[in-house]
Amino acid sequence: MKYVLVLITLALASLSVACDTSTVASKVSGAKEERKITSSPARDPRLVLGDTATTAENGTTLAVLSYESPSTVEGASPERGFEFSGIEVKGCAGPDSENSLMHIGPGAFVLRMPDGTRLQPEEFGEEAKVREPALESMNPGPGECGRGFVTFQTPAGERPELVLYDEQFVLKSTIAWKVPEKR
């Protein structure tokens, strides 16, 4: 009888461990959470400046670290009624991104003003008006990062409501960061 009771107890114990998926599920979902693509669409943005978005299942990330206005650009003046403004951006290719495109470049960023106007960054070239170190178009390798500033001309005294990243060849949708009101 003791032998049967021991067998039943062991069977029940193994069955309860086998049926308890909470530990396994939480470990599996935790791993998937790290790789989950962060979405912050322009119509309902959840990211704010400083937040990092995971842009691909391979762990590729992108962050708009800050917004500064007015910003000075050595050897350049903004157009009348405008001032230079800049965002600092950091993008990192995931550790498993060997077969995946990770492109960071200033042309994929836009500022959306409160009235809906979208402002493109200043052009690069011989006489580029940009804050240094400028964000350059790059394709970082696995685990590598790129960082720099993207410069815009914004109406003097106005602040954008969103920073948008829209790289059509890399992402299926635009990522948006809220720009907090100046304090």
Protein backbone atom coordinates (compact mmCIF):
# COMPACT_ATOMS: atom_id res chain seq x y z
CA MET A 1 0.00 0.00 0.00
CA LYS A 2 2.86 2.41 0.84
CA TYR A 3 4.41 1.61 -2.52
CA VAL A 4 1.18 2.56 -4.36
CA LEU A 5 0.85 5.77 -2.34
CA VAL A 6 4.42 6.75 -3.14
CA LEU A 7 3.80 6.06 -6.85
CA ILE A 8 0.59 8.09 -6.83
CA THR A 9 2.34 10.97 -5.02
CA LEU A 10 5.21 10.93 -7.50
CA ALA A 11 2.80 10.78 -10.43
CA LEU A 12 0.78 13.70 -9.09
CA ALA A 13 3.94 15.72 -8.39
CA SER A 14 5.27 15.17 -11.92
CA LEU A 15 1.87 15.90 -13.41
CA SER A 16 1.61 19.17 -11.48
CA VAL A 17 5.10 20.23 -12.61
CA ALA A 18 4.32 19.27 -16.22
CA CYS A 19 1.05 21.18 -16.15
CA ASP A 20 2.53 24.28 -14.53
CA THR A 21 3.46 26.22 -17.65
CA SER A 22 3.70 29.56 -15.88
CA THR A 23 7.45 29.25 -15.32
CA VAL A 24 8.15 28.05 -18.83
CA ALA A 25 5.70 30.50 -20.38
CA SER A 26 7.13 33.46 -18.49
CA LYS A 27 10.66 32.57 -19.52
CA VAL A 28 9.61 32.10 -23.14
CA SER A 29 7.46 35.24 -23.20
CA GLY A 30 10.29 37.17 -21.48
CA ALA A 31 12.63 36.21 -24.31
CA LYS A 32 10.02 37.21 -26.87
CA GLU A 33 9.34 40.52 -25.07
CA GLU A 34 12.95 41.56 -25.62
CA ARG A 35 12.55 40.95 -29.35
CA LYS A 36 9.05 42.36 -29.71
CA ILE A 37 8.79 45.21 -32.20
CA THR A 38 7.80 48.44 -30.45
CA SER A 39 5.13 50.32 -32.30
CA SER A 40 4.43 53.96 -31.64
CA PRO A 41 2.29 55.21 -34.51
CA ALA A 42 1.91 58.93 -35.18
CA ARG A 43 -1.84 58.85 -34.48
CA ASP A 44 -1.33 57.40 -30.98
CA PRO A 45 2.34 57.69 -29.97
CA ARG A 46 3.45 55.98 -26.78
CA LEU A 47 7.14 56.80 -26.99
CA VAL A 48 8.60 60.05 -25.67
CA LEU A 49 12.05 61.51 -26.27
CA GLY A 50 14.62 59.25 -24.67
CA ASP A 51 12.61 56.06 -25.20
CA THR A 52 14.05 53.27 -27.30
CA ALA A 53 12.01 51.49 -29.96
CA THR A 54 12.85 47.94 -30.98
CA THR A 55 12.41 48.06 -34.74
CA ALA A 56 12.98 44.43 -35.72
CA GLU A 57 12.70 40.95 -34.25
CA ASN A 58 16.50 40.69 -34.32
CA GLY A 59 16.84 43.32 -31.57
CA THR A 60 17.59 46.36 -33.73
CA THR A 61 16.83 49.53 -31.75
CA LEU A 62 16.34 53.22 -32.42
CA ALA A 63 16.09 56.11 -29.95
CA VAL A 64 15.52 59.82 -30.29
CA LEU A 65 17.49 60.94 -27.26
CA SER A 66 16.78 64.68 -27.18
CA TYR A 67 15.40 67.76 -28.91
CA GLU A 68 17.19 71.10 -28.67
CA SER A 69 15.98 74.47 -29.87
CA PRO A 70 17.36 76.92 -30.62
CA SER A 71 20.55 75.22 -31.65
CA THR A 72 23.64 76.87 -33.08
CA VAL A 73 25.31 75.68 -36.24
CA GLU A 74 28.83 76.91 -36.81
CA GLY A 75 29.11 79.14 -39.88
CA ALA A 76 25.39 79.14 -40.69
CA SER A 77 22.33 81.24 -40.01
CA PRO A 78 18.72 80.13 -40.27
CA GLU A 79 16.28 81.82 -42.65
CA ARG A 80 14.41 84.88 -41.36
CA GLY A 81 11.71 83.88 -38.84
CA PHE A 82 13.30 80.46 -38.27
CA GLU A 83 15.81 78.93 -35.89
CA PHE A 84 17.92 75.81 -36.04
CA SER A 85 16.65 72.89 -33.98
CA GLY A 86 18.14 69.46 -33.61
CA ILE A 87 17.44 65.94 -32.46
CA GLU A 88 20.05 63.50 -31.18
CA VAL A 89 19.53 59.99 -32.51
CA LYS A 90 21.05 56.61 -31.67
CA GLY A 91 20.45 53.43 -33.63
CA CYS A 92 21.90 50.00 -32.88
CA ALA A 93 21.84 46.89 -35.01
CA GLY A 94 20.73 43.81 -33.09
CA PRO A 95 23.22 41.08 -32.23
CA ASP A 96 21.53 38.74 -34.74
CA SER A 97 21.20 41.23 -37.57
CA GLU A 98 23.62 39.70 -40.08
CA ASN A 99 20.89 39.05 -42.64
CA SER A 100 18.79 42.10 -41.83
CA LEU A 101 18.99 45.67 -43.03
CA MET A 102 19.56 48.32 -40.35
CA HIS A 103 19.72 51.74 -41.92
CA ILE A 104 20.02 54.97 -39.98
CA GLY A 105 20.05 58.25 -41.85
CA PRO A 106 18.91 61.83 -41.36
CA GLY A 107 16.50 61.72 -44.31
CA ALA A 108 14.19 59.26 -42.54
CA PHE A 109 13.42 61.75 -39.73
CA VAL A 110 10.72 64.43 -39.84
CA LEU A 111 9.38 66.89 -37.27
CA ARG A 112 5.59 67.20 -37.13
CA MET A 113 4.45 70.60 -35.92
CA PRO A 114 1.20 71.13 -33.95
CA ASP A 115 -0.58 72.35 -37.11
CA GLY A 116 0.31 69.10 -38.93
CA THR A 117 3.14 70.60 -41.02
CA ARG A 118 6.04 68.21 -41.52
CA LEU A 119 9.55 69.65 -41.55
CA GLN A 120 12.35 67.84 -43.37
CA PRO A 121 15.94 67.92 -42.08
CA GLU A 122 18.53 70.28 -43.51
CA GLU A 123 20.32 68.96 -46.58
CA PHE A 124 23.80 67.50 -46.41
CA GLY A 125 26.51 68.63 -48.80
CA GLU A 126 29.53 70.89 -49.05
CA GLU A 127 27.75 73.75 -47.30
CA ALA A 128 25.53 71.64 -45.07
CA LYS A 129 23.90 73.41 -42.15
CA VAL A 130 24.05 70.71 -39.51
CA ARG A 131 25.04 70.34 -35.90
CA GLU A 132 28.10 68.21 -35.30
CA PRO A 133 28.50 65.31 -34.96
CA ALA A 134 25.98 64.95 -37.74
CA LEU A 135 24.06 61.73 -38.13
CA GLU A 136 25.32 60.16 -41.33
CA SER A 137 23.63 57.48 -43.36
CA MET A 138 25.06 54.18 -42.19
CA ASN A 139 24.41 50.49 -41.93
CA PRO A 140 25.91 49.34 -38.61
CA GLY A 141 26.98 45.72 -38.34
CA PRO A 142 25.65 43.27 -35.74
CA GLY A 143 25.79 44.85 -32.29
CA GLU A 144 27.17 48.18 -33.56
CA CYS A 145 25.57 51.60 -33.07
CA GLY A 146 25.45 54.91 -34.88
CA ARG A 147 24.77 58.23 -33.18
CA GLY A 148 24.53 61.88 -34.20
CA PHE A 149 22.41 64.98 -34.67
CA VAL A 150 19.81 65.77 -37.30
CA THR A 151 19.30 69.50 -37.86
CA PHE A 152 16.05 71.23 -38.89
CA GLN A 153 14.88 74.79 -39.42
CA THR A 154 11.79 75.39 -37.30
CA PRO A 155 9.62 78.49 -36.98
CA ALA A 156 11.17 80.67 -34.23
CA GLY A 157 9.63 79.94 -30.85
CA GLU A 158 7.58 76.96 -32.05
CA ARG A 159 8.10 73.40 -30.87
CA PRO A 160 7.17 70.23 -32.76
CA GLU A 161 4.72 67.78 -31.24
CA LEU A 162 6.32 64.66 -32.72
CA VAL A 163 9.57 63.31 -34.14
CA LEU A 164 8.74 60.77 -36.85
CA TYR A 165 10.98 58.04 -38.25
CA ASP A 166 9.72 56.69 -41.55
CA GLU A 167 12.15 54.42 -43.36
CA GLN A 168 9.86 52.71 -45.88
CA PHE A 169 12.40 50.12 -46.94
CA VAL A 170 13.03 48.98 -43.36
CA LEU A 171 9.78 49.44 -41.41
CA LYS A 172 6.14 48.71 -42.17
CA SER A 173 4.95 51.78 -40.27
CA THR A 174 6.18 55.11 -38.95
CA ILE A 175 7.58 55.33 -35.42
CA ALA A 176 6.72 58.47 -33.43
CA TRP A 177 8.20 60.08 -30.33
CA LYS A 178 6.30 62.79 -28.42
CA VAL A 179 8.24 65.99 -27.85
CA PRO A 180 7.36 67.24 -24.36
CA GLU A 181 6.45 70.89 -23.87
CA LYS A 182 9.31 73.13 -22.89
CA ARG A 183 9.49 73.64 -19.14
